[in-house]
Amino acid sequence: MIGKLSGVLEYRADDHVLLDVRGVGYIVFCSDRTLASLPAVGTMLALYTDLIVREDLLQLFGFTSLQEKEWHRLLMSVQGVGAKASLAILSTLGPEGVNRAIALGDWNAVKAARGIGPKTAQRVVNELKDKAPKVMAMGGTLGLALGTQTAEPGVGQGVNQAAGADDDPVVEGAVNARVAKGSAAAAASAADRRVSAQSEALSALSNLGYAPGEAASAVAEAAGAAPEAETSGLIRAALKLLAPKG
C-alpha cells in the first residue's frame, strides 16, 4: 500500500496531477478543493495517498490531510458511493464540511455534491455518523507530510536582489514558485489550527463526560458558526449547545 508520496509536481490536470518521485511519475487523482490548494507546477509536493486495486486498474488518490483521506475511505464504504462520488462530496464540502454535515446529520449538505441523490446522501449520514468523532480528532495536513508546518518568513523577498536581475524570467519564475509554495504552506497551517482546535475541543468535552456523538455534533455546529474560533471558544460554544434547554 502506498500511503504517502513526496516529489515534484510535474503537471496538473482537471482531476489529477503527475508527481515525479525520483524519476518515477505517479498519476494521482484529487478532489477539486485539493487541486486548488496545491502549489505551482515545478515545486515540491507531498500527498497522503490511497491506492485502489482492481482486476484491470490501479488508481492512486491524493489528499492534503489525514482527515480528507480517512473520509474518502469511509465514504467509499457506503453502498453506492465509489471513488468518483467520494471526491465529489469532498470537492463540495471539504473534509471539515463533511465533519459538520455528518456529525449534524445534515444529509442535504451531502446531497449538494454532484451526482449524489437524496437516498445516497441519507445513507452516508446514517452509516457514518458514529465515525465522525474519530475522524474529527485526527490531525495531519500537507505541512506534516512535508515536515514543515508554516510558510517561510519573508517568502519571495530579497530573491531578485540577491540574483541582481529584477527582470530575469528565471528569477521571476523562482520567486513565483516560492510565493505559491508559501501560500500553500500558510493555507495548510491555517487548516492545522482549525483541525487542532476542533480536536482539542472534542477531547475536552469527552473528558467532561459527554458522549462522543453529541460532543462531535456540538463541536461541528460551533465550528460551522465560527470557523476561525480557537479551542476555548469552541468549548464554550459547544457547552452552550449541550446545555439543557428550558
Protein backbone atom coordinates (compact mmCIF):
# COMPACT_ATOMS: atom_id res chain seq x y z
CA MET A 1 0.00 0.00 0.00
CA ILE A 2 1.26 3.46 -0.93
CA GLY A 3 0.37 5.82 1.93
CA LYS A 4 2.30 8.98 1.02
CA LEU A 5 4.23 10.36 -1.93
CA SER A 6 6.71 13.25 -1.97
CA GLY A 7 8.14 14.63 -5.18
CA VAL A 8 7.99 17.36 -7.82
CA LEU A 9 4.62 18.43 -9.21
CA GLU A 10 5.10 17.86 -12.95
CA TYR A 11 1.66 18.89 -14.18
CA ARG A 12 -1.89 19.47 -13.03
CA ALA A 13 -4.97 18.29 -14.97
CA ASP A 14 -8.70 18.72 -14.33
CA ASP A 15 -8.90 15.77 -11.94
CA HIS A 16 -5.35 14.59 -11.29
CA VAL A 17 -1.70 15.54 -11.00
CA LEU A 18 1.52 13.89 -12.12
CA LEU A 19 4.01 13.62 -9.27
CA ASP A 20 7.64 12.88 -10.13
CA VAL A 21 9.15 10.84 -7.31
CA ARG A 22 12.86 10.32 -8.06
CA GLY A 23 12.23 9.80 -11.76
CA VAL A 24 9.04 7.76 -11.43
CA GLY A 25 5.83 9.57 -12.41
CA TYR A 26 2.70 8.83 -10.39
CA ILE A 27 -0.75 9.91 -11.60
CA VAL A 28 -2.73 10.90 -8.51
CA PHE A 29 -6.44 11.77 -8.60
CA CYS A 30 -7.59 14.56 -6.24
CA SER A 31 -10.72 16.47 -5.27
CA ASP A 32 -11.31 19.92 -6.78
CA ARG A 33 -10.53 21.54 -3.42
CA THR A 34 -7.24 19.68 -3.10
CA LEU A 35 -6.21 20.58 -6.65
CA ALA A 36 -6.97 24.24 -5.99
CA SER A 37 -4.80 24.23 -2.85
CA LEU A 38 -1.67 22.77 -4.43
CA PRO A 39 1.48 24.82 -5.09
CA ALA A 40 2.78 25.82 -8.51
CA VAL A 41 3.97 23.28 -11.07
CA GLY A 42 7.66 22.54 -10.62
CA THR A 43 7.64 22.76 -6.81
CA MET A 44 7.91 20.02 -4.22
CA LEU A 45 4.67 18.40 -3.15
CA ALA A 46 3.68 15.73 -0.64
CA LEU A 47 0.33 13.98 -0.61
CA TYR A 48 -1.21 11.34 1.60
CA THR A 49 -2.46 8.65 -0.77
CA ASP A 50 -4.90 5.79 -1.01
CA LEU A 51 -4.41 3.04 -3.60
CA ILE A 52 -7.41 1.31 -5.13
CA VAL A 53 -6.62 -2.07 -6.70
CA ARG A 54 -8.96 -3.74 -9.17
CA GLU A 55 -8.50 -6.54 -11.65
CA ASP A 56 -7.85 -4.18 -14.54
CA LEU A 57 -6.97 -0.94 -12.78
CA LEU A 58 -4.66 0.65 -10.22
CA GLN A 59 -5.64 4.17 -9.12
CA LEU A 60 -3.98 6.49 -6.63
CA PHE A 61 -5.97 9.18 -4.84
CA GLY A 62 -4.22 12.06 -3.09
CA PHE A 63 -5.09 14.20 -0.08
CA THR A 64 -3.51 17.10 1.77
CA SER A 65 -4.81 15.95 5.17
CA LEU A 66 -5.34 12.70 7.03
CA GLN A 67 -8.94 13.77 7.68
CA GLU A 68 -9.64 14.02 3.96
CA LYS A 69 -8.00 10.64 3.33
CA GLU A 70 -10.00 8.96 6.09
CA TRP A 71 -13.29 10.44 4.91
CA HIS A 72 -12.53 9.21 1.39
CA ARG A 73 -12.01 5.70 2.73
CA LEU A 74 -15.17 5.82 4.85
CA LEU A 75 -17.34 7.38 2.14
CA MET A 76 -16.40 4.59 -0.25
CA SER A 77 -17.51 2.03 2.34
CA VAL A 78 -21.10 3.23 1.87
CA GLN A 79 -23.14 1.36 -0.71
CA GLY A 80 -23.49 3.38 -3.89
CA VAL A 81 -20.51 5.64 -3.18
CA GLY A 82 -17.46 4.98 -5.32
CA ALA A 83 -14.24 6.91 -5.66
CA LYS A 84 -15.77 9.45 -8.07
CA ALA A 85 -18.74 10.15 -5.77
CA SER A 86 -16.45 10.40 -2.74
CA LEU A 87 -14.28 13.01 -4.46
CA ALA A 88 -17.44 14.89 -5.50
CA ILE A 89 -18.53 15.09 -1.85
CA LEU A 90 -15.08 16.19 -0.71
CA SER A 91 -14.88 18.72 -3.55
CA THR A 92 -18.18 20.27 -2.48
CA LEU A 93 -17.77 20.20 1.30
CA GLY A 94 -14.08 19.68 2.07
CA PRO A 95 -13.10 17.44 5.00
CA GLU A 96 -14.24 19.97 7.63
CA GLY A 97 -17.57 20.37 5.86
CA VAL A 98 -18.01 16.59 5.78
CA ASN A 99 -17.23 16.56 9.52
CA ARG A 100 -20.04 19.02 10.18
CA ALA A 101 -22.56 17.54 7.77
CA ILE A 102 -22.22 14.01 9.10
CA ALA A 103 -21.92 14.97 12.77
CA LEU A 104 -25.07 17.10 12.46
CA GLY A 105 -26.95 14.60 10.30
CA ASP A 106 -27.24 17.20 7.52
CA TRP A 107 -27.83 14.96 4.52
CA ASN A 108 -28.95 17.94 2.42
CA ALA A 109 -25.38 19.26 2.54
CA VAL A 110 -24.11 15.89 1.27
CA LYS A 111 -26.79 15.87 -1.44
CA ALA A 112 -25.39 19.14 -2.80
CA ALA A 113 -22.42 17.19 -4.21
CA ARG A 114 -22.50 16.45 -7.93
CA GLY A 115 -24.16 13.10 -8.70
CA ILE A 116 -25.31 12.41 -5.12
CA GLY A 117 -29.04 11.72 -4.73
CA PRO A 118 -31.12 12.07 -1.56
CA LYS A 119 -31.17 8.34 -0.75
CA THR A 120 -27.40 8.06 -1.07
CA ALA A 121 -26.91 11.22 1.00
CA GLN A 122 -29.14 9.89 3.78
CA ARG A 123 -27.29 6.56 3.71
CA VAL A 124 -23.95 8.34 4.03
CA VAL A 125 -25.09 10.30 7.09
CA ASN A 126 -26.81 7.35 8.77
CA GLU A 127 -23.95 4.91 8.26
CA LEU A 128 -21.06 7.26 9.10
CA LYS A 129 -22.44 9.42 11.90
CA ASP A 130 -20.78 7.30 14.59
CA LYS A 131 -17.45 7.66 12.76
CA ALA A 132 -17.41 11.47 12.88
CA PRO A 133 -15.85 11.90 16.36
CA LYS A 134 -12.87 9.70 15.49
CA VAL A 135 -12.20 11.46 12.19
CA MET A 136 -12.64 14.92 13.73
CA ALA A 137 -9.96 14.04 16.27
CA MET A 138 -7.43 13.30 13.54
CA GLY A 139 -4.74 15.81 12.66
CA GLY A 140 -2.11 15.82 9.99
CA THR A 141 -2.03 18.00 6.90
CA LEU A 142 0.22 18.68 3.96
CA GLY A 143 2.54 20.61 6.28
CA LEU A 144 3.10 17.50 8.37
CA ALA A 145 3.59 15.38 5.27
CA LEU A 146 6.26 17.78 4.07
CA GLY A 147 7.81 18.06 7.51
CA THR A 148 7.06 21.78 7.77
CA GLN A 149 4.09 23.46 9.37
CA THR A 150 4.39 27.11 8.41
CA ALA A 151 5.44 29.23 5.48
CA GLU A 152 8.98 30.53 5.34
CA PRO A 153 9.25 34.06 6.74
CA GLY A 154 9.62 36.67 4.03
CA VAL A 155 8.84 34.25 1.21
CA GLY A 156 9.63 35.86 -2.14
CA GLN A 157 11.54 38.76 -0.59
CA GLY A 158 15.16 39.50 -1.46
CA VAL A 159 15.49 36.86 -4.18
CA ASN A 160 15.74 39.29 -7.08
CA GLN A 161 18.15 41.50 -5.19
CA ALA A 162 20.40 38.55 -4.42
CA ALA A 163 20.36 37.49 -8.05
CA GLY A 164 20.93 41.02 -9.24
CA ALA A 165 18.45 40.68 -12.11
CA ASP A 166 14.97 42.00 -11.43
CA ASP A 167 13.77 41.27 -14.95
CA ASP A 168 15.32 37.82 -15.29
CA PRO A 169 12.44 35.43 -16.20
CA VAL A 170 14.20 32.54 -14.48
CA VAL A 171 14.45 34.52 -11.26
CA GLU A 172 10.86 35.69 -11.63
CA GLY A 173 9.76 32.08 -12.04
CA ALA A 174 11.66 31.10 -8.91
CA VAL A 175 10.01 33.91 -6.96
CA ASN A 176 6.55 32.92 -8.17
CA ALA A 177 7.18 29.29 -7.25
CA ARG A 178 8.35 30.24 -3.75
CA VAL A 179 5.36 32.54 -3.23
CA ALA A 180 2.97 29.80 -4.36
CA LYS A 181 4.66 27.31 -2.07
CA GLY A 182 4.48 29.79 0.81
CA SER A 183 0.78 30.40 0.17
CA ALA A 184 0.05 26.68 0.17
CA ALA A 185 2.03 26.24 3.40
CA ALA A 186 0.15 29.12 5.00
CA ALA A 187 -3.18 27.58 3.99
CA ALA A 188 -2.05 24.24 5.42
CA SER A 189 -1.05 25.97 8.66
CA ALA A 190 -4.49 27.60 8.95
CA ALA A 191 -6.12 24.23 8.37
CA ASP A 192 -3.82 22.74 11.02
CA ARG A 193 -5.05 25.28 13.56
CA ARG A 194 -8.72 24.63 12.80
CA VAL A 195 -8.29 20.85 12.96
CA SER A 196 -6.28 21.12 16.18
CA ALA A 197 -8.87 23.38 17.83
CA GLN A 198 -11.75 21.06 16.93
CA SER A 199 -9.79 18.00 18.05
CA GLU A 200 -8.88 19.58 21.41
CA ALA A 201 -12.45 20.79 21.99
CA LEU A 202 -13.79 17.33 21.20
CA SER A 203 -11.31 15.78 23.65
CA ALA A 204 -12.23 18.27 26.38
CA LEU A 205 -15.94 17.57 26.02
CA SER A 206 -15.31 13.82 26.10
CA ASN A 207 -13.31 14.27 29.31
CA LEU A 208 -16.29 16.12 30.78
CA GLY A 209 -18.41 13.03 30.23
CA TYR A 210 -20.27 13.90 27.05
CA ALA A 211 -20.89 11.04 24.62
CA PRO A 212 -18.67 11.14 21.50
CA GLY A 213 -21.62 11.57 19.18
CA GLU A 214 -23.21 14.52 20.97
CA ALA A 215 -19.82 16.13 21.57
CA ALA A 216 -18.93 15.83 17.88
CA SER A 217 -22.27 17.33 16.84
CA ALA A 218 -21.82 20.29 19.20
CA VAL A 219 -18.24 20.95 18.10
CA ALA A 220 -19.23 20.66 14.44
CA GLU A 221 -22.06 23.15 14.89
CA ALA A 222 -19.84 25.54 16.84
CA ALA A 223 -17.09 25.30 14.23
CA GLY A 224 -19.60 25.94 11.46
CA ALA A 225 -20.75 29.13 13.18
CA ALA A 226 -17.20 30.33 13.90
CA PRO A 227 -14.66 28.57 11.61
CA GLU A 228 -11.67 30.51 13.00
CA ALA A 229 -12.55 30.04 16.68
CA GLU A 230 -9.80 28.81 18.98
CA THR A 231 -10.15 25.82 21.29
CA SER A 232 -11.53 27.75 24.25
CA GLY A 233 -14.12 29.49 22.09
CA LEU A 234 -15.25 26.20 20.56
CA ILE A 235 -15.59 24.60 24.00
CA ARG A 236 -17.69 27.49 25.34
CA ALA A 237 -19.93 27.49 22.27
CA ALA A 238 -20.30 23.70 22.33
CA LEU A 239 -21.18 23.71 26.04
CA LYS A 240 -23.93 26.23 25.38
CA LEU A 241 -25.30 23.98 22.68
CA LEU A 242 -25.14 20.97 25.02
CA ALA A 243 -26.76 22.77 27.95
CA PRO A 244 -30.26 21.52 28.87
CA LYS A 245 -32.93 23.57 27.13
CA GLY A 246 -35.57 25.30 29.21
